[in-house]
PDB file of N, CA and C in Angstrom:
ATOM      1  N   MET A   1      -0.925  -9.477 -20.535  1.00  0.00           N
ATOM      2  CA  MET A   1      -0.790 -10.057 -19.788  1.00  0.00           C
ATOM      3  C   MET A   1       1.133 -11.309 -20.241  1.00  0.00           C
ATOM      4  N   ARG A   2      -0.235 -12.570 -20.455  1.00  0.00           N
ATOM      5  CA  ARG A   2      -0.231 -13.631 -20.396  1.00  0.00           C
ATOM      6  C   ARG A   2       1.339 -13.263 -21.846  1.00  0.00           C
ATOM      7  N   ARG A   3       0.265 -12.692 -23.098  1.00  0.00           N
ATOM      8  CA  ARG A   3       1.629 -12.589 -23.965  1.00  0.00           C
ATOM      9  C   ARG A   3       3.197 -11.596 -24.450  1.00  0.00           C
ATOM     10  N   GLY A   4       2.754 -11.069 -22.863  1.00  0.00           N
ATOM     11  CA  GLY A   4       4.207 -10.688 -22.557  1.00  0.00           C
ATOM     12  C   GLY A   4       5.432 -11.568 -21.870  1.00  0.00           C
ATOM     13  N   TYR A   5       4.745 -12.080 -21.186  1.00  0.00           N
ATOM     14  CA  TYR A   5       5.515 -14.254 -20.644  1.00  0.00           C
ATOM     15  C   TYR A   5       5.342 -14.685 -21.756  1.00  0.00           C
ATOM     16  N   ASP A   6       5.176 -14.350 -22.415  1.00  0.00           N
ATOM     17  CA  ASP A   6       5.744 -15.939 -24.039  1.00  0.00           C
ATOM     18  C   ASP A   6       6.228 -15.220 -24.563  1.00  0.00           C
ATOM     19  N   ARG A   7       6.263 -13.661 -24.365  1.00  0.00           N
ATOM     20  CA  ARG A   7       7.955 -13.360 -25.590  1.00  0.00           C
ATOM     21  C   ARG A   7       8.576 -13.406 -24.619  1.00  0.00           C
ATOM     22  N   GLY A   8       8.930 -12.794 -23.638  1.00  0.00           N
ATOM     23  CA  GLY A   8      10.477 -12.829 -22.553  1.00  0.00           C
ATOM     24  C   GLY A   8      10.328 -14.451 -22.955  1.00  0.00           C
ATOM     25  N   ALA A   9      10.029 -15.823 -21.993  1.00  0.00           N
ATOM     26  CA  ALA A   9      10.350 -16.910 -22.631  1.00  0.00           C
ATOM     27  C   ALA A   9      10.886 -17.253 -23.639  1.00  0.00           C
ATOM     28  N   ALA A  10       9.994 -16.668 -24.515  1.00  0.00           N
ATOM     29  CA  ALA A  10      10.548 -17.367 -25.626  1.00  0.00           C
ATOM     30  C   ALA A  10      12.286 -16.792 -26.507  1.00  0.00           C
ATOM     31  N   LEU A  11      12.559 -15.835 -25.938  1.00  0.00           N
ATOM     32  CA  LEU A  11      13.344 -15.005 -26.307  1.00  0.00           C
ATOM     33  C   LEU A  11      15.505 -16.442 -25.939  1.00  0.00           C
ATOM     34  N   ALA A  12      15.632 -16.516 -26.433  1.00  0.00           N
ATOM     35  CA  ALA A  12      17.176 -16.689 -26.093  1.00  0.00           C
ATOM     36  C   ALA A  12      18.282 -15.656 -25.610  1.00  0.00           C
ATOM     37  N   LEU A  13      18.821 -15.956 -24.504  1.00  0.00           N
ATOM     38  CA  LEU A  13      19.578 -15.555 -23.769  1.00  0.00           C
ATOM     39  C   LEU A  13      20.608 -14.335 -24.025  1.00  0.00           C
ATOM     40  N   PRO A  14      21.422 -14.376 -24.655  1.00  0.00           N
ATOM     41  CA  PRO A  14      21.840 -13.351 -24.993  1.00  0.00           C
ATOM     42  C   PRO A  14      20.458 -11.949 -25.594  1.00  0.00           C
ATOM     43  N   ASP A  15      19.756 -12.248 -25.750  1.00  0.00           N
ATOM     44  CA  ASP A  15      18.267 -11.027 -25.831  1.00  0.00           C
ATOM     45  C   ASP A  15      18.023 -11.099 -24.928  1.00  0.00           C
ATOM     46  N   VAL A  16      18.494 -11.936 -23.629  1.00  0.00           N
ATOM     47  CA  VAL A  16      17.237 -11.482 -22.285  1.00  0.00           C
ATOM     48  C   VAL A  16      18.377 -10.640 -21.787  1.00  0.00           C
ATOM     49  N   VAL A  17      19.723 -11.392 -21.958  1.00  0.00           N
ATOM     50  CA  VAL A  17      21.059 -10.067 -21.248  1.00  0.00           C
ATOM     51  C   VAL A  17      20.935  -8.473 -21.405  1.00  0.00           C
ATOM     52  N   ALA A  18      20.943  -9.077 -23.553  1.00  0.00           N
ATOM     53  CA  ALA A  18      20.682  -7.505 -23.789  1.00  0.00           C
ATOM     54  C   ALA A  18      19.369  -5.679 -22.998  1.00  0.00           C
ATOM     55  N   TYR A  19      17.928  -6.936 -23.371  1.00  0.00           N
ATOM     56  CA  TYR A  19      17.314  -6.712 -22.019  1.00  0.00           C
ATOM     57  C   TYR A  19      17.235  -6.011 -20.935  1.00  0.00           C
ATOM     58  N   ALA A  20      18.298  -7.052 -20.416  1.00  0.00           N
ATOM     59  CA  ALA A  20      17.752  -6.474 -19.296  1.00  0.00           C
ATOM     60  C   ALA A  20      19.894  -5.369 -18.693  1.00  0.00           C
ATOM     61  N   LEU A  21      19.698  -5.914 -20.170  1.00  0.00           N
ATOM     62  CA  LEU A  21      20.926  -4.516 -19.678  1.00  0.00           C
ATOM     63  C   LEU A  21      20.317  -3.551 -20.337  1.00  0.00           C
ATOM     64  N   GLU A  22      18.906  -2.870 -21.296  1.00  0.00           N
ATOM     65  CA  GLU A  22      18.509  -1.860 -21.452  1.00  0.00           C
ATOM     66  C   GLU A  22      18.974  -1.701 -23.005  1.00  0.00           C
ATOM     67  N   GLU A  23      19.267  -2.701 -23.088  1.00  0.00           N
ATOM     68  CA  GLU A  23      20.503  -2.242 -24.696  1.00  0.00           C
ATOM     69  C   GLU A  23      20.112  -2.109 -26.066  1.00  0.00           C
ATOM     70  N   ASN A  24      18.901  -3.050 -26.075  1.00  0.00           N
ATOM     71  CA  ASN A  24      18.051  -2.312 -26.507  1.00  0.00           C
ATOM     72  C   ASN A  24      16.207  -1.011 -26.760  1.00  0.00           C
ATOM     73  N   GLY A  25      16.985  -0.268 -25.735  1.00  0.00           N
ATOM     74  CA  GLY A  25      16.170   1.182 -25.017  1.00  0.00           C
ATOM     75  C   GLY A  25      15.239   0.409 -24.879  1.00  0.00           C
ATOM     76  N   GLY A  26      14.664  -0.575 -24.007  1.00  0.00           N
ATOM     77  CA  GLY A  26      14.905  -0.847 -22.482  1.00  0.00           C
ATOM     78  C   GLY A  26      13.576  -2.218 -23.564  1.00  0.00           C
ATOM     79  N   ASP A  27      13.408  -1.991 -25.264  1.00  0.00           N
ATOM     80  CA  ASP A  27      12.062  -2.632 -25.944  1.00  0.00           C
ATOM     81  C   ASP A  27      12.551  -4.299 -25.747  1.00  0.00           C
ATOM     82  N   PRO A  28      11.979  -5.416 -25.582  1.00  0.00           N
ATOM     83  CA  PRO A  28      12.987  -6.451 -25.969  1.00  0.00           C
ATOM     84  C   PRO A  28      12.730  -6.691 -27.166  1.00  0.00           C
ATOM     85  N   PRO A  29      13.890  -7.142 -27.223  1.00  0.00           N
ATOM     86  CA  PRO A  29      13.434  -7.845 -28.824  1.00  0.00           C
ATOM     87  C   PRO A  29      12.685  -8.877 -29.264  1.00  0.00           C
ATOM     88  N   GLU A  30      12.713  -8.626 -31.033  1.00  0.00           N
ATOM     89  CA  GLU A  30      11.286  -9.079 -31.371  1.00  0.00           C
ATOM     90  C   GLU A  30      12.340 -11.133 -31.533  1.00  0.00           C
ATOM     91  N   ARG A  31      11.194 -11.826 -30.968  1.00  0.00           N
ATOM     92  CA  ARG A  31      11.691 -12.914 -31.759  1.00  0.00           C
ATOM     93  C   ARG A  31      11.840 -13.584 -32.784  1.00  0.00           C
ATOM     94  N   PRO A  32      12.633 -13.829 -34.307  1.00  0.00           N
ATOM     95  CA  PRO A  32      12.294 -13.639 -34.754  1.00  0.00           C
ATOM     96  C   PRO A  32      12.051 -15.283 -36.166  1.00  0.00           C
ATOM     97  N   SER A  33      11.255 -14.849 -36.275  1.00  0.00           N
ATOM     98  CA  SER A  33      10.313 -16.187 -36.982  1.00  0.00           C
ATOM     99  C   SER A  33      11.684 -17.489 -37.426  1.00  0.00           C
ATOM    100  N   GLY A  34      10.824 -17.776 -36.792  1.00  0.00           N
ATOM    101  CA  GLY A  34      11.286 -19.396 -37.547  1.00  0.00           C
ATOM    102  C   GLY A  34      13.133 -20.108 -37.085  1.00  0.00           C
ATOM    103  N   SER A  35      13.002 -18.338 -35.384  1.00  0.00           N
ATOM    104  CA  SER A  35      14.438 -19.108 -34.761  1.00  0.00           C
ATOM    105  C   SER A  35      13.657 -20.218 -33.263  1.00  0.00           C
ATOM    106  N   ALA A  36      15.149 -20.821 -32.716  1.00  0.00           N
ATOM    107  CA  ALA A  36      14.968 -22.037 -32.821  1.00  0.00           C
ATOM    108  C   ALA A  36      15.660 -21.650 -31.781  1.00  0.00           C
ATOM    109  N   HIS A  37      16.393 -21.319 -31.041  1.00  0.00           N
ATOM    110  CA  HIS A  37      18.132 -21.367 -30.237  1.00  0.00           C
ATOM    111  C   HIS A  37      17.687 -22.340 -28.640  1.00  0.00           C
ATOM    112  N   GLY A  38      17.994 -22.890 -28.798  1.00  0.00           N
ATOM    113  CA  GLY A  38      17.507 -23.487 -27.850  1.00  0.00           C
ATOM    114  C   GLY A  38      16.515 -24.827 -27.947  1.00  0.00           C
ATOM    115  N   VAL A  39      16.030 -24.625 -28.665  1.00  0.00           N
ATOM    116  CA  VAL A  39      15.139 -25.535 -29.105  1.00  0.00           C
ATOM    117  C   VAL A  39      15.520 -27.233 -29.675  1.00  0.00           C
ATOM    118  N   ARG A  40      14.948 -27.854 -29.134  1.00  0.00           N
ATOM    119  CA  ARG A  40      15.645 -29.368 -29.622  1.00  0.00           C
ATOM    120  C   ARG A  40      14.484 -29.729 -30.049  1.00  0.00           C
ATOM    121  N   LEU A  41      14.715 -31.418 -31.074  1.00  0.00           N
ATOM    122  CA  LEU A  41      13.736 -31.851 -31.884  1.00  0.00           C
ATOM    123  C   LEU A  41      13.912 -33.187 -31.529  1.00  0.00           C
ATOM    124  N   THR A  42      12.781 -34.301 -31.114  1.00  0.00           N
ATOM    125  CA  THR A  42      13.064 -35.189 -30.233  1.00  0.00           C
ATOM    126  C   THR A  42      13.747 -35.813 -31.413  1.00  0.00           C
ATOM    127  N   ARG A  43      14.128 -37.302 -32.323  1.00  0.00           N
ATOM    128  CA  ARG A  43      14.736 -38.149 -32.338  1.00  0.00           C
ATOM    129  C   ARG A  43      13.884 -38.163 -33.793  1.00  0.00           C
ATOM    130  N   ARG A  44      13.089 -38.955 -33.179  1.00  0.00           N
ATOM    131  CA  ARG A  44      11.649 -39.114 -34.421  1.00  0.00           C
ATOM    132  C   ARG A  44      11.354 -37.147 -35.001  1.00  0.00           C
ATOM    133  N   GLU A  45      11.205 -36.522 -34.621  1.00  0.00           N
ATOM    134  CA  GLU A  45      11.238 -35.561 -35.088  1.00  0.00           C
ATOM    135  C   GLU A  45      12.131 -34.699 -35.733  1.00  0.00           C
ATOM    136  N   ALA A  46      13.072 -34.644 -35.586  1.00  0.00           N
ATOM    137  CA  ALA A  46      13.980 -35.003 -36.652  1.00  0.00           C
ATOM    138  C   ALA A  46      14.328 -35.806 -38.089  1.00  0.00           C
ATOM    139  N   GLN A  47      13.962 -37.260 -38.052  1.00  0.00           N
ATOM    140  CA  GLN A  47      14.069 -37.632 -39.001  1.00  0.00           C
ATOM    141  C   GLN A  47      13.277 -37.742 -40.195  1.00  0.00           C
ATOM    142  N   VAL A  48      11.788 -36.983 -39.335  1.00  0.00           N
ATOM    143  CA  VAL A  48      10.298 -36.159 -40.530  1.00  0.00           C
ATOM    144  C   VAL A  48      10.450 -35.804 -40.355  1.00  0.00           C
ATOM    145  N   ALA A  49      11.511 -34.123 -40.103  1.00  0.00           N
ATOM    146  CA  ALA A  49      11.892 -32.949 -40.209  1.00  0.00           C
ATOM    147  C   ALA A  49      13.093 -32.959 -41.572  1.00  0.00           C
ATOM    148  N   ALA A  50      14.295 -33.948 -41.098  1.00  0.00           N
ATOM    149  CA  ALA A  50      14.422 -34.389 -42.490  1.00  0.00           C
ATOM    150  C   ALA A  50      14.263 -35.120 -43.176  1.00  0.00           C
ATOM    151  N   LEU A  51      12.466 -35.527 -43.575  1.00  0.00           N
ATOM    152  CA  LEU A  51      11.723 -36.032 -44.492  1.00  0.00           C
ATOM    153  C   LEU A  51      11.404 -35.375 -45.277  1.00  0.00           C
ATOM    154  N   VAL A  52      10.335 -33.989 -44.184  1.00  0.00           N
ATOM    155  CA  VAL A  52      10.088 -32.755 -44.678  1.00  0.00           C
ATOM    156  C   VAL A  52      10.981 -32.403 -46.053  1.00  0.00           C
ATOM    157  N   ALA A  53      12.325 -32.397 -45.290  1.00  0.00           N
ATOM    158  CA  ALA A  53      13.323 -31.753 -46.347  1.00  0.00           C
ATOM    159  C   ALA A  53      13.800 -32.105 -47.680  1.00  0.00           C
ATOM    160  N   GLU A  54      13.252 -33.119 -47.269  1.00  0.00           N
ATOM    161  CA  GLU A  54      13.700 -33.996 -49.006  1.00  0.00           C
ATOM    162  C   GLU A  54      12.101 -34.527 -49.913  1.00  0.00           C
ATOM    163  N   GLY A  55      11.084 -33.010 -49.517  1.00  0.00           N
ATOM    164  CA  GLY A  55       9.994 -33.174 -50.110  1.00  0.00           C
ATOM    165  C   GLY A  55       8.884 -35.060 -49.710  1.00  0.00           C
ATOM    166  N   LEU A  56       8.815 -34.501 -49.210  1.00  0.00           N
ATOM    167  CA  LEU A  56       7.854 -35.582 -49.032  1.00  0.00           C
ATOM    168  C   LEU A  56       6.594 -35.700 -48.087  1.00  0.00           C
ATOM    169  N   ALA A  57       5.844 -36.163 -48.860  1.00  0.00           N
ATOM    170  CA  ALA A  57       4.187 -35.367 -48.228  1.00  0.00           C
ATOM    171  C   ALA A  57       3.640 -37.011 -46.931  1.00  0.00           C
ATOM    172  N   ASN A  58       3.232 -36.432 -45.910  1.00  0.00           N
ATOM    173  CA  ASN A  58       2.504 -37.051 -44.727  1.00  0.00           C
ATOM    174  C   ASN A  58       2.669 -37.884 -44.643  1.00  0.00           C
ATOM    175  N   GLN A  59       1.735 -38.677 -46.454  1.00  0.00           N
ATOM    176  CA  GLN A  59       1.330 -40.238 -46.313  1.00  0.00           C
ATOM    177  C   GLN A  59       3.254 -41.068 -46.510  1.00  0.00           C
ATOM    178  N   GLN A  60       3.864 -39.961 -47.413  1.00  0.00           N
ATOM    179  CA  GLN A  60       5.257 -41.201 -47.925  1.00  0.00           C
ATOM    180  C   GLN A  60       6.243 -41.621 -46.395  1.00  0.00           C
ATOM    181  N   ILE A  61       5.823 -39.603 -46.216  1.00  0.00           N
ATOM    182  CA  ILE A  61       7.204 -39.993 -44.226  1.00  0.00           C
ATOM    183  C   ILE A  61       6.424 -41.320 -43.850  1.00  0.00           C
ATOM    184  N   ALA A  62       4.543 -40.858 -42.787  1.00  0.00           N
ATOM    185  CA  ALA A  62       4.355 -42.434 -43.215  1.00  0.00           C
ATOM    186  C   ALA A  62       4.260 -43.774 -43.710  1.00  0.00           C
ATOM    187  N   ASP A  63       4.345 -43.720 -44.804  1.00  0.00           N
ATOM    188  CA  ASP A  63       5.113 -45.198 -45.126  1.00  0.00           C
ATOM    189  C   ASP A  63       6.705 -45.836 -45.094  1.00  0.00           C
ATOM    190  N   ARG A  64       7.518 -44.614 -45.651  1.00  0.00           N
ATOM    191  CA  ARG A  64       8.961 -44.387 -44.823  1.00  0.00           C
ATOM    192  C   ARG A  64       9.729 -44.917 -43.626  1.00  0.00           C
ATOM    193  N   LEU A  65       8.894 -44.501 -42.266  1.00  0.00           N
ATOM    194  CA  LEU A  65       8.718 -44.280 -41.214  1.00  0.00           C
ATOM    195  C   LEU A  65       8.034 -45.252 -40.559  1.00  0.00           C
ATOM    196  N   VAL A  66       7.576 -45.837 -40.937  1.00  0.00           N
ATOM    197  CA  VAL A  66       6.334 -47.542 -41.234  1.00  0.00           C
ATOM    198  C   VAL A  66       5.458 -46.981 -39.675  1.00  0.00           C
ATOM    199  N   ILE A  67       5.053 -45.842 -39.381  1.00  0.00           N
ATOM    200  CA  ILE A  67       3.662 -44.633 -39.196  1.00  0.00           C
ATOM    201  C   ILE A  67       2.128 -44.393 -39.889  1.00  0.00           C
ATOM    202  N   ALA A  68       1.558 -44.097 -38.834  1.00  0.00           N
ATOM    203  CA  ALA A  68       0.655 -44.030 -39.114  1.00  0.00           C
ATOM    204  C   ALA A  68       0.733 -42.352 -39.866  1.00  0.00           C
ATOM    205  N   ARG A  69      -0.603 -42.338 -41.069  1.00  0.00           N
ATOM    206  CA  ARG A  69      -0.170 -40.619 -42.044  1.00  0.00           C
ATOM    207  C   ARG A  69      -0.488 -39.295 -41.310  1.00  0.00           C
ATOM    208  N   ARG A  70      -1.773 -39.727 -40.053  1.00  0.00           N
ATOM    209  CA  ARG A  70      -2.015 -39.412 -39.158  1.00  0.00           C
ATOM    210  C   ARG A  70      -1.007 -38.746 -37.853  1.00  0.00           C
ATOM    211  N   THR A  71       0.153 -40.341 -37.568  1.00  0.00           N
ATOM    212  CA  THR A  71       0.999 -39.782 -36.551  1.00  0.00           C
ATOM    213  C   THR A  71       2.280 -38.849 -37.147  1.00  0.00           C
ATOM    214  N   ALA A  72       2.294 -39.385 -38.366  1.00  0.00           N
ATOM    215  CA  ALA A  72       3.582 -38.576 -39.216  1.00  0.00           C
ATOM    216  C   ALA A  72       2.799 -36.487 -38.829  1.00  0.00           C
ATOM    217  N   GLU A  73       1.771 -36.246 -39.363  1.00  0.00           N
ATOM    218  CA  GLU A  73       0.973 -35.283 -39.080  1.00  0.00           C
ATOM    219  C   GLU A  73       1.007 -34.579 -38.250  1.00  0.00           C
ATOM    220  N   GLY A  74       0.982 -35.577 -37.358  1.00  0.00           N
ATOM    221  CA  GLY A  74       1.217 -34.311 -35.745  1.00  0.00           C
ATOM    222  C   GLY A  74       2.596 -34.547 -35.659  1.00  0.00           C
ATOM    223  N   HIS A  75       3.383 -35.703 -36.173  1.00  0.00           N
ATOM    224  CA  HIS A  75       5.481 -35.294 -35.854  1.00  0.00           C
ATOM    225  C   HIS A  75       5.382 -33.212 -36.985  1.00  0.00           C
ATOM    226  N   VAL A  76       4.718 -33.117 -37.787  1.00  0.00           N
ATOM    227  CA  VAL A  76       4.781 -32.224 -38.445  1.00  0.00           C
ATOM    228  C   VAL A  76       4.466 -31.345 -37.867  1.00  0.00           C
ATOM    229  N   GLU A  77       3.080 -30.642 -37.199  1.00  0.00           N
ATOM    230  CA  GLU A  77       1.937 -29.725 -36.896  1.00  0.00           C
ATOM    231  C   GLU A  77       3.212 -29.164 -35.529  1.00  0.00           C
ATOM    232  N   ARG A  78       3.890 -30.576 -34.561  1.00  0.00           N
ATOM    233  CA  ARG A  78       5.225 -30.331 -33.424  1.00  0.00           C
ATOM    234  C   ARG A  78       6.022 -29.840 -34.238  1.00  0.00           C
ATOM    235  N   ILE A  79       6.722 -30.345 -35.201  1.00  0.00           N
ATOM    236  CA  ILE A  79       8.185 -29.209 -35.156  1.00  0.00           C
ATOM    237  C   ILE A  79       7.782 -28.439 -35.639  1.00  0.00           C
ATOM    238  N   LEU A  80       6.312 -27.504 -36.455  1.00  0.00           N
ATOM    239  CA  LEU A  80       5.908 -26.746 -36.892  1.00  0.00           C
ATOM    240  C   LEU A  80       5.929 -25.378 -35.225  1.00  0.00           C
ATOM    241  N   SER A  81       5.004 -26.196 -34.453  1.00  0.00           N
ATOM    242  CA  SER A  81       5.285 -25.398 -33.588  1.00  0.00           C
ATOM    243  C   SER A  81       6.638 -24.533 -32.670  1.00  0.00           C
ATOM    244  N   LYS A  82       6.785 -26.022 -32.248  1.00  0.00           N
ATOM    245  CA  LYS A  82       7.822 -25.879 -31.591  1.00  0.00           C
ATOM    246  C   LYS A  82       9.581 -24.507 -32.144  1.00  0.00           C
ATOM    247  N   LEU A  83       9.321 -25.166 -33.753  1.00  0.00           N
ATOM    248  CA  LEU A  83      10.490 -23.933 -34.697  1.00  0.00           C
ATOM    249  C   LEU A  83       9.659 -22.305 -34.309  1.00  0.00           C
ATOM    250  N   GLY A  84       8.550 -22.811 -34.328  1.00  0.00           N
ATOM    251  CA  GLY A  84       8.254 -21.345 -34.771  1.00  0.00           C
ATOM    252  C   GLY A  84       7.614 -21.152 -36.268  1.00  0.00           C
ATOM    253  N   LEU A  85       7.782 -21.372 -36.597  1.00  0.00           N
ATOM    254  CA  LEU A  85       7.109 -21.685 -38.334  1.00  0.00           C
ATOM    255  C   LEU A  85       5.900 -22.394 -38.913  1.00  0.00           C
ATOM    256  N   SER A  86       5.290 -21.922 -39.554  1.00  0.00           N
ATOM    257  CA  SER A  86       3.640 -21.544 -40.094  1.00  0.00           C
ATOM    258  C   SER A  86       4.302 -22.959 -41.976  1.00  0.00           C
ATOM    259  N   ASN A  87       4.582 -22.969 -42.605  1.00  0.00           N
ATOM    260  CA  ASN A  87       4.889 -24.438 -43.242  1.00  0.00           C
ATOM    261  C   ASN A  87       5.837 -25.011 -43.860  1.00  0.00           C
ATOM    262  N   ARG A  88       6.244 -26.285 -44.392  1.00  0.00           N
ATOM    263  CA  ARG A  88       6.430 -27.302 -44.893  1.00  0.00           C
ATOM    264  C   ARG A  88       8.010 -26.567 -45.474  1.00  0.00           C
ATOM    265  N   SER A  89       8.264 -25.524 -46.183  1.00  0.00           N
ATOM    266  CA  SER A  89       9.407 -24.681 -47.038  1.00  0.00           C
ATOM    267  C   SER A  89       9.727 -24.334 -45.721  1.00  0.00           C
ATOM    268  N   GLN A  90       9.288 -23.223 -44.561  1.00  0.00           N
ATOM    269  CA  GLN A  90      10.249 -23.517 -43.493  1.00  0.00           C
ATOM    270  C   GLN A  90      11.043 -24.479 -42.935  1.00  0.00           C
ATOM    271  N   ILE A  91      10.310 -24.967 -43.239  1.00  0.00           N
ATOM    272  CA  ILE A  91      11.080 -26.858 -41.703  1.00  0.00           C
ATOM    273  C   ILE A  91      12.420 -27.088 -43.351  1.00  0.00           C
ATOM    274  N   ALA A  92      12.167 -27.198 -44.527  1.00  0.00           N
ATOM    275  CA  ALA A  92      13.168 -27.476 -45.356  1.00  0.00           C
ATOM    276  C   ALA A  92      14.376 -26.601 -45.311  1.00  0.00           C
ATOM    277  N   ALA A  93      13.715 -25.090 -44.933  1.00  0.00           N
ATOM    278  CA  ALA A  93      15.086 -23.563 -44.965  1.00  0.00           C
ATOM    279  C   ALA A  93      15.764 -24.839 -43.267  1.00  0.00           C
ATOM    280  N   TRP A  94      15.082 -24.219 -42.627  1.00  0.00           N
ATOM    281  CA  TRP A  94      15.747 -25.035 -40.948  1.00  0.00           C
ATOM    282  C   TRP A  94      16.692 -25.965 -41.216  1.00  0.00           C
ATOM    283  N   VAL A  95      17.067 -27.022 -41.168  1.00  0.00           N
ATOM    284  CA  VAL A  95      17.000 -28.387 -41.660  1.00  0.00           C
ATOM    285  C   VAL A  95      17.648 -28.115 -42.302  1.00  0.00           C
ATOM    286  N   ALA A  96      18.104 -27.300 -43.699  1.00  0.00           N
ATOM    287  CA  ALA A  96      18.681 -26.692 -44.087  1.00  0.00           C
ATOM    288  C   ALA A  96      20.945 -26.334 -43.958  1.00  0.00           C
ATOM    289  N   ALA A  97      19.691 -25.449 -42.932  1.00  0.00           N
ATOM    290  CA  ALA A  97      20.809 -24.204 -41.931  1.00  0.00           C
ATOM    291  C   ALA A  97      21.372 -25.082 -40.602  1.00  0.00           C
ATOM    292  N   GLN A  98      20.942 -26.416 -40.196  1.00  0.00           N
ATOM    293  CA  GLN A  98      21.542 -26.906 -39.353  1.00  0.00           C
ATOM    294  C   GLN A  98      22.625 -28.112 -39.946  1.00  0.00           C
ATOM    295  N   ARG A  99      22.561 -27.614 -40.727  1.00  0.00           N
ATOM    296  CA  ARG A  99      24.217 -28.643 -41.995  1.00  0.00           C
ATOM    297  C   ARG A  99      25.035 -28.392 -41.319  1.00  0.00           C
TER     298      ARG A  99
END
């Protein structure tokens, strides 16, 4: 039951409407990997995402932002989680798509 709730909560508004109107045959649409409709990164997370897109490693990000390496790692982990991504190259692709 919890998975169904999470799946529904992750849907974008147009998908919710389509599901409510049963335009997809009554099956809720799958959330595309990396779909970030309505997801907002914090200013710092956006900075970290941009640095990941530049190809910087966590220690390089930490040095650039004058933060601890572990803090940079935490930001990257939260970005991955928020955006539903699984690796750094997907973050880079997401950043490129936002521009």
